C-alpha atoms as a PDB file:
ATOM      1  CA  MET A   1      -6.749   5.732 -25.729  1.00  0.00           C
ATOM      2  CA  THR A   2      -5.983   7.923 -22.725  1.00  0.00           C
ATOM      3  CA  LYS A   3      -3.865   6.325 -20.021  1.00  0.00           C
ATOM      4  CA  ILE A   4      -5.476   6.200 -16.605  1.00  0.00           C
ATOM      5  CA  GLU A   5      -3.877   6.157 -13.182  1.00  0.00           C
ATOM      6  CA  ILE A   6      -5.706   5.815  -9.883  1.00  0.00           C
ATOM      7  CA  ILE A   7      -3.884   6.826  -6.718  1.00  0.00           C
ATOM      8  CA  PHE A   8      -5.071   6.796  -3.116  1.00  0.00           C
ATOM      9  CA  THR A   9      -4.684   8.990  -0.063  1.00  0.00           C
ATOM     10  CA  PHE A  10      -3.543   7.275   3.109  1.00  0.00           C
ATOM     11  CA  HIS A  11      -7.034   7.840   4.518  1.00  0.00           C
ATOM     12  CA  ALA A  12      -8.603   6.124   1.488  1.00  0.00           C
ATOM     13  CA  LEU A  13      -6.305   3.101   1.832  1.00  0.00           C
ATOM     14  CA  GLU A  14      -7.234   2.777   5.510  1.00  0.00           C
ATOM     15  CA  LYS A  15     -10.960   2.930   4.724  1.00  0.00           C
ATOM     16  CA  ILE A  16     -10.668   0.460   1.824  1.00  0.00           C
ATOM     17  CA  LYS A  17      -9.034  -2.060   4.150  1.00  0.00           C
ATOM     18  CA  GLU A  18     -11.392  -1.335   7.072  1.00  0.00           C
ATOM     19  CA  ARG A  19     -14.524  -1.568   4.899  1.00  0.00           C
ATOM     20  CA  LYS A  20     -13.252  -4.492   2.778  1.00  0.00           C
ATOM     21  CA  ILE A  21     -13.873  -2.715  -0.515  1.00  0.00           C
ATOM     22  CA  LYS A  22     -12.247  -4.318  -3.533  1.00  0.00           C
ATOM     23  CA  LEU A  23      -9.945  -2.215  -5.716  1.00  0.00           C
ATOM     24  CA  PRO A  24     -11.582  -3.351  -9.000  1.00  0.00           C
ATOM     25  CA  GLN A  25     -14.921  -2.085  -7.652  1.00  0.00           C
ATOM     26  CA  ILE A  26     -13.392   1.327  -6.968  1.00  0.00           C
ATOM     27  CA  GLU A  27     -11.895   1.444 -10.461  1.00  0.00           C
ATOM     28  CA  MET A  28     -15.208   0.443 -12.076  1.00  0.00           C
ATOM     29  CA  THR A  29     -17.078   3.022 -10.007  1.00  0.00           C
ATOM     30  CA  ILE A  30     -14.757   5.836 -11.100  1.00  0.00           C
ATOM     31  CA  LEU A  31     -14.577   4.838 -14.765  1.00  0.00           C
ATOM     32  CA  ASN A  32     -18.219   3.848 -15.225  1.00  0.00           C
ATOM     33  CA  PRO A  33     -20.408   5.267 -12.449  1.00  0.00           C
ATOM     34  CA  GLU A  34     -24.141   4.789 -12.418  1.00  0.00           C
ATOM     35  CA  GLU A  35     -24.416   8.260 -10.892  1.00  0.00           C
ATOM     36  CA  LEU A  36     -21.845  11.057 -10.815  1.00  0.00           C
ATOM     37  CA  TYR A  37     -21.940  14.293  -8.847  1.00  0.00           C
ATOM     38  CA  PHE A  38     -19.653  17.219  -8.232  1.00  0.00           C
ATOM     39  CA  ASP A  39     -19.349  18.204  -4.568  1.00  0.00           C
ATOM     40  CA  LYS A  40     -19.322  21.998  -4.674  1.00  0.00           C
ATOM     41  CA  GLU A  41     -18.328  22.321  -1.024  1.00  0.00           C
ATOM     42  CA  ASN A  42     -15.185  20.178  -1.294  1.00  0.00           C
ATOM     43  CA  GLY A  43     -14.261  20.372  -4.989  1.00  0.00           C
ATOM     44  CA  THR A  44     -14.450  16.604  -5.358  1.00  0.00           C
ATOM     45  CA  TYR A  45     -16.295  14.159  -7.583  1.00  0.00           C
ATOM     46  CA  VAL A  46     -18.709  11.634  -6.098  1.00  0.00           C
ATOM     47  CA  ALA A  47     -19.078   8.453  -8.147  1.00  0.00           C
ATOM     48  CA  ILE A  48     -21.743   5.919  -7.174  1.00  0.00           C
ATOM     49  CA  ARG A  49     -22.204   2.381  -8.457  1.00  0.00           C
ATOM     50  CA  GLN A  50     -24.119  -0.673  -7.304  1.00  0.00           C
ATOM     51  CA  PHE A  51     -22.478  -4.045  -6.762  1.00  0.00           C
ATOM     52  CA  SER A  52     -24.995  -6.748  -5.896  1.00  0.00           C
ATOM     53  CA  SER A  53     -27.203  -5.153  -3.229  1.00  0.00           C
ATOM     54  CA  ARG A  54     -24.599  -2.615  -2.054  1.00  0.00           C
ATOM     55  CA  TRP A  55     -23.900   0.906  -3.294  1.00  0.00           C
ATOM     56  CA  ILE A  56     -20.277   2.050  -3.332  1.00  0.00           C
ATOM     57  CA  VAL A  57     -19.511   5.751  -3.102  1.00  0.00           C
ATOM     58  CA  VAL A  58     -16.060   6.892  -4.229  1.00  0.00           C
ATOM     59  CA  ILE A  59     -14.934  10.455  -3.502  1.00  0.00           C
ATOM     60  CA  TYR A  60     -12.059  11.581  -5.718  1.00  0.00           C
ATOM     61  CA  ILE A  61     -10.327  14.480  -7.390  1.00  0.00           C
ATOM     62  CA  GLU A  62      -8.941  14.661 -10.899  1.00  0.00           C
ATOM     63  CA  ILE A  63      -5.325  15.763 -11.106  1.00  0.00           C
ATOM     64  CA  PRO A  64      -4.500  17.609 -14.327  1.00  0.00           C
ATOM     65  CA  HIS A  65      -1.871  15.913 -16.482  1.00  0.00           C
ATOM     66  CA  ALA A  66      -0.985  16.333 -20.139  1.00  0.00           C
ATOM     67  CA  HIS A  67      -0.696  12.666 -21.096  1.00  0.00           C
ATOM     68  CA  LYS A  68      -2.994  10.718 -18.793  1.00  0.00           C
ATOM     69  CA  LYS A  69      -6.012  10.958 -16.510  1.00  0.00           C
ATOM     70  CA  ILE A  70      -5.084  10.792 -12.842  1.00  0.00           C
ATOM     71  CA  PHE A  71      -7.769  10.135 -10.248  1.00  0.00           C
ATOM     72  CA  LYS A  72      -6.889  10.566  -6.579  1.00  0.00           C
ATOM     73  CA  VAL A  73      -9.280   8.707  -4.302  1.00  0.00           C
ATOM     74  CA  VAL A  74      -9.950  10.631  -1.098  1.00  0.00           C
ATOM     75  CA  THR A  75     -12.296   8.109   0.529  1.00  0.00           C
ATOM     76  CA  THR A  76     -14.814   5.411  -0.265  1.00  0.00           C
ATOM     77  CA  TYR A  77     -17.685   3.781   1.583  1.00  0.00           C
ATOM     78  CA  PHE A  78     -20.832   1.716   1.238  1.00  0.00           C
ATOM     79  CA  ALA A  79     -23.979   3.866   1.237  1.00  0.00           C
ATOM     80  CA  LYS A  80     -26.736   2.257   3.258  1.00  0.00           C
ATOM     81  CA  LYS A  81     -29.258   4.973   2.392  1.00  0.00           C
ATOM     82  CA  LYS A  82     -28.020   6.170  -1.011  1.00  0.00           C
ATOM     83  CA  ASP A  83     -31.228   7.959  -2.033  1.00  0.00           C
ATOM     84  CA  LYS A  84     -31.465   9.805   1.283  1.00  0.00           C
ATOM     85  CA  LEU A  85     -27.824  10.887   1.000  1.00  0.00           C
ATOM     86  CA  ILE A  86     -28.277  12.205  -2.545  1.00  0.00           C
ATOM     87  CA  LYS A  87     -31.538  14.019  -1.808  1.00  0.00           C
ATOM     88  CA  SER A  88     -29.979  15.709   1.202  1.00  0.00           C
ATOM     89  CA  LYS A  89     -26.922  16.876  -0.757  1.00  0.00           C
ATOM     90  CA  LEU A  90     -28.972  18.109  -3.717  1.00  0.00           C
ATOM     91  CA  ARG A  91     -31.568  19.855  -1.518  1.00  0.00           C
ATOM     92  CA  ARG A  92     -28.952  21.986   0.180  1.00  0.00           C
ATOM     93  CA  ASP A  93     -27.174  22.561  -3.132  1.00  0.00           C
ATOM     94  CA  ALA A  94     -23.947  20.856  -1.999  1.00  0.00           C
ATOM     95  CA  TRP A  95     -23.799  18.504  -5.002  1.00  0.00           C
ATOM     96  CA  ARG A  96     -24.432  19.045  -8.700  1.00  0.00           C
ATOM     97  CA  LYS A  97     -25.528  16.036 -10.763  1.00  0.00           C
ATOM     98  CA  LEU A  98     -23.243  15.264 -13.723  1.00  0.00           C
ATOM     99  CA  LYS A  99     -24.610  11.846 -14.694  1.00  0.00           C
END
């Protein structure tokens, strides 16, 4: 099994604390998203997963490594209008759906 490491930018850590997002939810969202997109404008992945009635969006990059998968979380937030966000990004061709 491939080893996995999740690291965070300073900005992401600030937002996690500010928004009271739990680290296990971020990990689950990255490793098993309900929806996954590639943000063509920023070169990042956008993982989305629902927890209870809330949708968590995790923006991250994958860092190449020979022996493990490294995910660097750029930011994360709760999406109040998930469908509107996705439609907007897809309509202007900013995101490409992966899952």
